[in-house]
Amino acid sequence: MSVATSRTGTENARITIHHDKCTVCGLCVKVCKDFSLIIEDKTLKINPKPLFGCIGCGHCVAVCPHNAITVEGRTLSEEDYKLMQQEMPPVDFTNLYPFLLNRRSIRDFKNKPVEQEMIDKILSLASTAPMGLPPSDIGVMILNSKEKVRQFSFDFVDLLGRMKWMVSPVAMSLMRPFMSKDNYLLFKSFVLPMVDFFYKSRKRDENYVLYDAPLAMMFYGNMSDPADPYIAATYAS
């Protein structure tokens, strides 16, 4: 499935201007980096030649003080608009740093499935992630059980085992002239030992790839900015 970080999929969102409410303050024009909104003859108008077409980011809706703009073609509800327009308490170093400091990477899990409701909430958070250009959705593969996670992990290790020759001493010596020193040391001191460890653990029926987690989500991009899947995954976590 995909997470709609592009907000609208393959179609542009549709902007509606409620002129009876609009005061032509220009805030929406300032925040729209697609140039979908313009002011002509002291009137707010929809630009017939925007940069890409409205991606439904919602910035114009969020900054409008008079609810004079609505956007359709994305999965926002009226409640979402209300949340976007309400003032939020400031997040500063004092309260953000302890939150980040208390983050932990979990590698031991309870033998308890993750409810679908929680999975949906995680995907909702991921869908709010910012994106690069061109706007596109982020794909996500969901493994929603310990058994699926284990099978995927072992399939991955089996694939590494079949490719192990690529990081063998002979192959590394052949590739060395074409690799930077840092990349060579990375393969020699990290990649090769890791592949060897995973492969030996697999033979002992031990999963050190995803640690038999009850849920795993793999985010990936198609035509998106290479960083977009990582950002979406960060929002999901």
C-alpha atoms as a PDB file:
ATOM      1  CA  MET A   1       0.000   0.000   0.000  1.00  0.00           C
ATOM      2  CA  SER A   2       1.041   3.639  -0.113  1.00  0.00           C
ATOM      3  CA  VAL A   3       1.060   6.488   2.377  1.00  0.00           C
ATOM      4  CA  ALA A   4      -0.382   9.604   0.775  1.00  0.00           C
ATOM      5  CA  THR A   5       2.446  11.984   1.627  1.00  0.00           C
ATOM      6  CA  SER A   6       1.759  13.635  -1.718  1.00  0.00           C
ATOM      7  CA  ARG A   7      -1.625  14.456  -0.168  1.00  0.00           C
ATOM      8  CA  THR A   8      -3.547  13.901  -3.391  1.00  0.00           C
ATOM      9  CA  GLY A   9      -2.135  10.899  -5.201  1.00  0.00           C
ATOM     10  CA  THR A  10      -1.872  11.442  -8.947  1.00  0.00           C
ATOM     11  CA  GLU A  11      -4.488  14.217  -9.197  1.00  0.00           C
ATOM     12  CA  ASN A  12      -4.113  17.825  -8.141  1.00  0.00           C
ATOM     13  CA  ALA A  13      -6.168  19.067  -5.246  1.00  0.00           C
ATOM     14  CA  ARG A  14      -8.973  21.531  -5.902  1.00  0.00           C
ATOM     15  CA  ILE A  15      -8.955  24.911  -4.192  1.00  0.00           C
ATOM     16  CA  THR A  16     -12.159  26.804  -3.478  1.00  0.00           C
ATOM     17  CA  ILE A  17     -12.061  30.479  -2.513  1.00  0.00           C
ATOM     18  CA  HIS A  18     -15.033  31.779  -0.531  1.00  0.00           C
ATOM     19  CA  HIS A  19     -14.953  35.404  -1.606  1.00  0.00           C
ATOM     20  CA  ASP A  20     -17.684  36.408   0.845  1.00  0.00           C
ATOM     21  CA  LYS A  21     -15.216  35.629   3.650  1.00  0.00           C
ATOM     22  CA  CYS A  22     -11.929  36.594   1.984  1.00  0.00           C
ATOM     23  CA  THR A  23     -10.349  39.922   2.989  1.00  0.00           C
ATOM     24  CA  VAL A  24      -7.466  39.557   0.499  1.00  0.00           C
ATOM     25  CA  CYS A  25      -4.928  39.647   3.325  1.00  0.00           C
ATOM     26  CA  GLY A  26      -2.462  37.707   1.157  1.00  0.00           C
ATOM     27  CA  LEU A  27      -1.326  35.217   3.803  1.00  0.00           C
ATOM     28  CA  CYS A  28      -2.331  32.242   1.670  1.00  0.00           C
ATOM     29  CA  VAL A  29      -0.421  33.605  -1.315  1.00  0.00           C
ATOM     30  CA  LYS A  30       2.739  33.953   0.779  1.00  0.00           C
ATOM     31  CA  VAL A  31       2.697  30.356   2.026  1.00  0.00           C
ATOM     32  CA  CYS A  32       1.786  28.695  -1.286  1.00  0.00           C
ATOM     33  CA  LYS A  33       5.116  27.692  -2.842  1.00  0.00           C
ATOM     34  CA  ASP A  34       3.324  26.203  -5.837  1.00  0.00           C
ATOM     35  CA  PHE A  35       2.000  29.673  -6.724  1.00  0.00           C
ATOM     36  CA  SER A  36      -1.506  28.211  -6.960  1.00  0.00           C
ATOM     37  CA  LEU A  37      -2.960  31.413  -5.504  1.00  0.00           C
ATOM     38  CA  ILE A  38      -2.465  34.941  -6.796  1.00  0.00           C
ATOM     39  CA  ILE A  39      -3.921  38.385  -6.169  1.00  0.00           C
ATOM     40  CA  GLU A  40      -5.115  40.300  -9.217  1.00  0.00           C
ATOM     41  CA  ASP A  41      -7.199  43.467  -9.245  1.00  0.00           C
ATOM     42  CA  LYS A  42      -7.391  43.312  -5.442  1.00  0.00           C
ATOM     43  CA  THR A  43      -9.035  39.888  -5.664  1.00  0.00           C
ATOM     44  CA  LEU A  44      -7.702  36.494  -4.601  1.00  0.00           C
ATOM     45  CA  LYS A  45      -7.704  34.123  -7.561  1.00  0.00           C
ATOM     46  CA  ILE A  46      -6.583  30.618  -8.465  1.00  0.00           C
ATOM     47  CA  ASN A  47      -3.518  30.748 -10.690  1.00  0.00           C
ATOM     48  CA  PRO A  48      -4.261  29.048 -14.040  1.00  0.00           C
ATOM     49  CA  LYS A  49      -0.542  28.279 -14.446  1.00  0.00           C
ATOM     50  CA  PRO A  50       0.838  27.066 -11.094  1.00  0.00           C
ATOM     51  CA  LEU A  51       4.216  25.428 -10.739  1.00  0.00           C
ATOM     52  CA  PHE A  52       3.024  21.816 -10.289  1.00  0.00           C
ATOM     53  CA  GLY A  53      -0.621  22.142  -9.341  1.00  0.00           C
ATOM     54  CA  CYS A  54      -2.015  22.115  -5.820  1.00  0.00           C
ATOM     55  CA  ILE A  55      -0.670  19.194  -3.789  1.00  0.00           C
ATOM     56  CA  GLY A  56      -3.130  19.778  -0.975  1.00  0.00           C
ATOM     57  CA  CYS A  57      -0.503  20.583   1.655  1.00  0.00           C
ATOM     58  CA  GLY A  58      -3.102  22.616   3.546  1.00  0.00           C
ATOM     59  CA  HIS A  59      -0.864  25.591   4.340  1.00  0.00           C
ATOM     60  CA  CYS A  60      -3.300  28.072   2.833  1.00  0.00           C
ATOM     61  CA  VAL A  61      -6.147  26.627   4.901  1.00  0.00           C
ATOM     62  CA  ALA A  62      -4.040  26.717   8.053  1.00  0.00           C
ATOM     63  CA  VAL A  63      -3.063  30.391   7.800  1.00  0.00           C
ATOM     64  CA  CYS A  64      -6.367  31.830   6.587  1.00  0.00           C
ATOM     65  CA  PRO A  65      -7.868  33.761   9.531  1.00  0.00           C
ATOM     66  CA  HIS A  66     -11.375  33.798   8.049  1.00  0.00           C
ATOM     67  CA  ASN A  67     -11.872  30.209   6.792  1.00  0.00           C
ATOM     68  CA  ALA A  68     -12.078  31.597   3.277  1.00  0.00           C
ATOM     69  CA  ILE A  69     -10.310  28.652   1.604  1.00  0.00           C
ATOM     70  CA  THR A  70     -11.126  24.970   1.371  1.00  0.00           C
ATOM     71  CA  VAL A  71      -9.158  22.242  -0.370  1.00  0.00           C
ATOM     72  CA  GLU A  72     -10.662  19.065  -1.808  1.00  0.00           C
ATOM     73  CA  GLY A  73      -9.044  16.023  -3.354  1.00  0.00           C
ATOM     74  CA  ARG A  74      -7.269  14.788  -0.267  1.00  0.00           C
ATOM     75  CA  THR A  75      -8.341  12.932   2.845  1.00  0.00           C
ATOM     76  CA  LEU A  76      -8.706  15.897   5.187  1.00  0.00           C
ATOM     77  CA  SER A  77     -11.891  16.245   7.205  1.00  0.00           C
ATOM     78  CA  GLU A  78     -13.472  19.316   8.767  1.00  0.00           C
ATOM     79  CA  GLU A  79     -11.947  18.266  12.095  1.00  0.00           C
ATOM     80  CA  ASP A  80      -8.509  18.317  10.479  1.00  0.00           C
ATOM     81  CA  TYR A  81      -9.088  21.878   9.319  1.00  0.00           C
ATOM     82  CA  LYS A  82     -10.015  22.895  12.857  1.00  0.00           C
ATOM     83  CA  LEU A  83      -6.830  21.336  14.203  1.00  0.00           C
ATOM     84  CA  MET A  84      -4.760  23.123  11.578  1.00  0.00           C
ATOM     85  CA  GLN A  85      -6.242  26.483  12.497  1.00  0.00           C
ATOM     86  CA  GLN A  86      -6.031  26.287  16.274  1.00  0.00           C
ATOM     87  CA  GLU A  87      -3.014  27.695  18.057  1.00  0.00           C
ATOM     88  CA  MET A  88      -0.666  25.064  19.418  1.00  0.00           C
ATOM     89  CA  PRO A  89       1.577  25.476  22.463  1.00  0.00           C
ATOM     90  CA  PRO A  90       5.155  26.260  21.421  1.00  0.00           C
ATOM     91  CA  VAL A  91       7.632  23.395  21.325  1.00  0.00           C
ATOM     92  CA  ASP A  92      11.021  24.579  22.502  1.00  0.00           C
ATOM     93  CA  PHE A  93      14.306  23.014  23.568  1.00  0.00           C
ATOM     94  CA  THR A  94      13.175  22.665  27.183  1.00  0.00           C
ATOM     95  CA  ASN A  95      10.359  20.213  26.450  1.00  0.00           C
ATOM     96  CA  LEU A  96      11.625  18.724  23.180  1.00  0.00           C
ATOM     97  CA  TYR A  97      15.093  17.668  24.350  1.00  0.00           C
ATOM     98  CA  PRO A  98      13.898  15.399  27.230  1.00  0.00           C
ATOM     99  CA  PHE A  99      11.394  13.802  24.849  1.00  0.00           C
ATOM    100  CA  LEU A 100      14.135  12.960  22.337  1.00  0.00           C
ATOM    101  CA  LEU A 101      16.553  11.952  25.081  1.00  0.00           C
ATOM    102  CA  ASN A 102      14.107   9.343  26.365  1.00  0.00           C
ATOM    103  CA  ARG A 103      13.723   7.688  22.966  1.00  0.00           C
ATOM    104  CA  ARG A 104      14.957   4.107  22.892  1.00  0.00           C
ATOM    105  CA  SER A 105      15.463   1.510  20.180  1.00  0.00           C
ATOM    106  CA  ILE A 106      13.438  -1.535  21.221  1.00  0.00           C
ATOM    107  CA  ARG A 107      14.719  -4.998  20.342  1.00  0.00           C
ATOM    108  CA  ASP A 108      12.782  -7.151  22.815  1.00  0.00           C
ATOM    109  CA  PHE A 109       9.071  -7.449  22.179  1.00  0.00           C
ATOM    110  CA  LYS A 110       6.040  -8.903  23.901  1.00  0.00           C
ATOM    111  CA  ASN A 111       4.347 -11.790  22.146  1.00  0.00           C
ATOM    112  CA  LYS A 112       1.310  -9.626  21.507  1.00  0.00           C
ATOM    113  CA  PRO A 113      -0.128  -8.548  18.132  1.00  0.00           C
ATOM    114  CA  VAL A 114      -0.490  -4.883  17.219  1.00  0.00           C
ATOM    115  CA  GLU A 115      -4.125  -3.895  16.736  1.00  0.00           C
ATOM    116  CA  GLN A 116      -5.213  -2.630  13.325  1.00  0.00           C
ATOM    117  CA  GLU A 117      -6.410   0.600  14.931  1.00  0.00           C
ATOM    118  CA  MET A 118      -2.863   1.327  16.091  1.00  0.00           C
ATOM    119  CA  ILE A 119      -1.468   0.512  12.634  1.00  0.00           C
ATOM    120  CA  ASP A 120      -3.940   2.967  11.081  1.00  0.00           C
ATOM    121  CA  LYS A 121      -2.855   5.663  13.543  1.00  0.00           C
ATOM    122  CA  ILE A 122       0.806   5.085  12.697  1.00  0.00           C
ATOM    123  CA  LEU A 123       0.047   5.428   8.989  1.00  0.00           C
ATOM    124  CA  SER A 124      -1.920   8.612   9.678  1.00  0.00           C
ATOM    125  CA  LEU A 125       1.137  10.104  11.373  1.00  0.00           C
ATOM    126  CA  ALA A 126       3.364   9.039   8.478  1.00  0.00           C
ATOM    127  CA  SER A 127       1.005  10.699   5.998  1.00  0.00           C
ATOM    128  CA  THR A 128       1.711  14.106   7.581  1.00  0.00           C
ATOM    129  CA  ALA A 129       5.410  13.892   6.685  1.00  0.00           C
ATOM    130  CA  PRO A 130       6.836  16.633   4.450  1.00  0.00           C
ATOM    131  CA  MET A 131       8.133  15.705   1.022  1.00  0.00           C
ATOM    132  CA  GLY A 132      10.508  16.794  -1.673  1.00  0.00           C
ATOM    133  CA  LEU A 133       9.899  17.226  -5.379  1.00  0.00           C
ATOM    134  CA  PRO A 134       8.279  15.870  -7.411  1.00  0.00           C
ATOM    135  CA  PRO A 135       5.335  15.262  -5.051  1.00  0.00           C
ATOM    136  CA  SER A 136       4.672  11.538  -4.798  1.00  0.00           C
ATOM    137  CA  ASP A 137       3.302   8.970  -2.405  1.00  0.00           C
ATOM    138  CA  ILE A 138       5.512   6.806  -0.229  1.00  0.00           C
ATOM    139  CA  GLY A 139       5.075   3.048  -0.425  1.00  0.00           C
ATOM    140  CA  VAL A 140       4.914   0.994   2.747  1.00  0.00           C
ATOM    141  CA  MET A 141       5.051  -2.758   3.190  1.00  0.00           C
ATOM    142  CA  ILE A 142       3.315  -3.863   6.378  1.00  0.00           C
ATOM    143  CA  LEU A 143       4.238  -7.097   8.137  1.00  0.00           C
ATOM    144  CA  ASN A 144       1.567  -7.316  10.806  1.00  0.00           C
ATOM    145  CA  SER A 145       2.524 -10.481  12.648  1.00  0.00           C
ATOM    146  CA  LYS A 146       5.562 -12.050  14.262  1.00  0.00           C
ATOM    147  CA  GLU A 147       5.421 -14.890  11.740  1.00  0.00           C
ATOM    148  CA  LYS A 148       5.471 -12.549   8.747  1.00  0.00           C
ATOM    149  CA  VAL A 149       8.313 -10.527  10.248  1.00  0.00           C
ATOM    150  CA  ARG A 150      10.348 -13.674  10.869  1.00  0.00           C
ATOM    151  CA  GLN A 151       9.742 -15.032   7.363  1.00  0.00           C
ATOM    152  CA  PHE A 152      10.723 -11.730   5.771  1.00  0.00           C
ATOM    153  CA  SER A 153      13.868 -11.546   7.911  1.00  0.00           C
ATOM    154  CA  PHE A 154      14.941 -15.061   6.991  1.00  0.00           C
ATOM    155  CA  ASP A 155      14.210 -14.473   3.303  1.00  0.00           C
ATOM    156  CA  PHE A 156      16.405 -11.380   3.506  1.00  0.00           C
ATOM    157  CA  VAL A 157      19.231 -13.300   5.182  1.00  0.00           C
ATOM    158  CA  ASP A 158      18.949 -16.086   2.607  1.00  0.00           C
ATOM    159  CA  LEU A 159      19.323 -13.453  -0.111  1.00  0.00           C
ATOM    160  CA  LEU A 160      22.396 -12.059   1.638  1.00  0.00           C
ATOM    161  CA  GLY A 161      23.794 -15.571   1.797  1.00  0.00           C
ATOM    162  CA  ARG A 162      23.442 -15.991  -1.963  1.00  0.00           C
ATOM    163  CA  MET A 163      25.178 -12.637  -2.470  1.00  0.00           C
ATOM    164  CA  LYS A 164      27.910 -13.249   0.086  1.00  0.00           C
ATOM    165  CA  TRP A 165      30.476 -13.804  -2.654  1.00  0.00           C
ATOM    166  CA  MET A 166      30.180 -10.102  -3.522  1.00  0.00           C
ATOM    167  CA  VAL A 167      31.865  -9.159  -0.236  1.00  0.00           C
ATOM    168  CA  SER A 168      34.305 -12.048  -0.130  1.00  0.00           C
ATOM    169  CA  PRO A 169      38.024 -11.229   0.273  1.00  0.00           C
ATOM    170  CA  VAL A 170      38.620 -11.993  -3.418  1.00  0.00           C
ATOM    171  CA  ALA A 171      35.758  -9.756  -4.589  1.00  0.00           C
ATOM    172  CA  MET A 172      36.817  -6.993  -2.202  1.00  0.00           C
ATOM    173  CA  SER A 173      40.369  -7.063  -3.536  1.00  0.00           C
ATOM    174  CA  LEU A 174      39.032  -6.732  -7.095  1.00  0.00           C
ATOM    175  CA  MET A 175      36.738  -3.823  -6.169  1.00  0.00           C
ATOM    176  CA  ARG A 176      39.289  -2.036  -3.993  1.00  0.00           C
ATOM    177  CA  PRO A 177      40.749   0.152  -6.808  1.00  0.00           C
ATOM    178  CA  PHE A 178      37.252   1.466  -7.567  1.00  0.00           C
ATOM    179  CA  MET A 179      36.213   2.184  -3.971  1.00  0.00           C
ATOM    180  CA  SER A 180      37.035   5.053  -1.688  1.00  0.00           C
ATOM    181  CA  LYS A 181      38.966   4.264   1.460  1.00  0.00           C
ATOM    182  CA  ASP A 182      35.920   4.937   3.642  1.00  0.00           C
ATOM    183  CA  ASN A 183      33.663   2.631   1.616  1.00  0.00           C
ATOM    184  CA  TYR A 184      36.279  -0.103   1.600  1.00  0.00           C
ATOM    185  CA  LEU A 185      36.661   0.070   5.376  1.00  0.00           C
ATOM    186  CA  LEU A 186      32.867   0.124   5.767  1.00  0.00           C
ATOM    187  CA  PHE A 187      32.483  -3.095   3.795  1.00  0.00           C
ATOM    188  CA  LYS A 188      35.463  -4.771   5.412  1.00  0.00           C
ATOM    189  CA  SER A 189      34.786  -3.854   9.041  1.00  0.00           C
ATOM    190  CA  PHE A 190      30.969  -3.723   9.078  1.00  0.00           C
ATOM    191  CA  VAL A 191      29.111  -5.147   6.070  1.00  0.00           C
ATOM    192  CA  LEU A 192      31.062  -8.401   5.777  1.00  0.00           C
ATOM    193  CA  PRO A 193      30.951  -9.238   9.532  1.00  0.00           C
ATOM    194  CA  MET A 194      27.250  -8.303   9.645  1.00  0.00           C
ATOM    195  CA  VAL A 195      26.355 -10.571   6.723  1.00  0.00           C
ATOM    196  CA  ASP A 196      28.339 -13.395   8.285  1.00  0.00           C
ATOM    197  CA  PHE A 197      26.625 -12.892  11.666  1.00  0.00           C
ATOM    198  CA  PHE A 198      23.130 -12.778  10.153  1.00  0.00           C
ATOM    199  CA  TYR A 199      23.786 -15.898   8.112  1.00  0.00           C
ATOM    200  CA  LYS A 200      25.098 -17.921  11.065  1.00  0.00           C
ATOM    201  CA  SER A 201      22.220 -16.718  13.266  1.00  0.00           C
ATOM    202  CA  ARG A 202      19.749 -17.776  10.584  1.00  0.00           C
ATOM    203  CA  LYS A 203      21.104 -21.326  10.731  1.00  0.00           C
ATOM    204  CA  ARG A 204      20.432 -21.288  14.489  1.00  0.00           C
ATOM    205  CA  ASP A 205      16.861 -20.120  13.761  1.00  0.00           C
ATOM    206  CA  GLU A 206      17.568 -16.761  15.423  1.00  0.00           C
ATOM    207  CA  ASN A 207      16.256 -13.506  13.999  1.00  0.00           C
ATOM    208  CA  TYR A 208      18.646 -10.600  14.531  1.00  0.00           C
ATOM    209  CA  VAL A 209      17.351  -8.613  11.567  1.00  0.00           C
ATOM    210  CA  LEU A 210      13.967  -7.547  12.961  1.00  0.00           C
ATOM    211  CA  TYR A 211      14.075  -9.422  16.284  1.00  0.00           C
ATOM    212  CA  ASP A 212      10.683 -11.116  15.761  1.00  0.00           C
ATOM    213  CA  ALA A 213       8.813  -7.858  16.260  1.00  0.00           C
ATOM    214  CA  PRO A 214       5.001  -8.121  16.144  1.00  0.00           C
ATOM    215  CA  LEU A 215       4.911  -5.407  13.479  1.00  0.00           C
ATOM    216  CA  ALA A 216       7.335  -4.108  10.865  1.00  0.00           C
ATOM    217  CA  MET A 217       6.811  -1.354   8.308  1.00  0.00           C
ATOM    218  CA  MET A 218       9.144  -0.861   5.355  1.00  0.00           C
ATOM    219  CA  PHE A 219       8.901   2.590   3.777  1.00  0.00           C
ATOM    220  CA  TYR A 220      10.127   3.057   0.223  1.00  0.00           C
ATOM    221  CA  GLY A 221       9.877   5.593  -2.576  1.00  0.00           C
ATOM    222  CA  ASN A 222       9.185   5.333  -6.275  1.00  0.00           C
ATOM    223  CA  MET A 223       9.681   8.701  -7.962  1.00  0.00           C
ATOM    224  CA  SER A 224      10.012  10.516  -4.656  1.00  0.00           C
ATOM    225  CA  ASP A 225      12.963  12.353  -3.203  1.00  0.00           C
ATOM    226  CA  PRO A 226      15.317   9.666  -1.777  1.00  0.00           C
ATOM    227  CA  ALA A 227      14.950  11.169   1.703  1.00  0.00           C
ATOM    228  CA  ASP A 228      11.127  11.056   1.736  1.00  0.00           C
ATOM    229  CA  PRO A 229      10.745   7.416   2.902  1.00  0.00           C
ATOM    230  CA  TYR A 230      13.151   8.038   5.791  1.00  0.00           C
ATOM    231  CA  ILE A 231      11.235  11.131   6.865  1.00  0.00           C
ATOM    232  CA  ALA A 232       7.887   9.311   6.681  1.00  0.00           C
ATOM    233  CA  ALA A 233       9.323   6.441   8.733  1.00  0.00           C
ATOM    234  CA  THR A 234      10.579   8.935  11.325  1.00  0.00           C
ATOM    235  CA  TYR A 235       7.118  10.475  11.617  1.00  0.00           C
ATOM    236  CA  ALA A 236       5.626   6.996  11.982  1.00  0.00           C
ATOM    237  CA  SER A 237       7.955   6.142  14.844  1.00  0.00           C
END
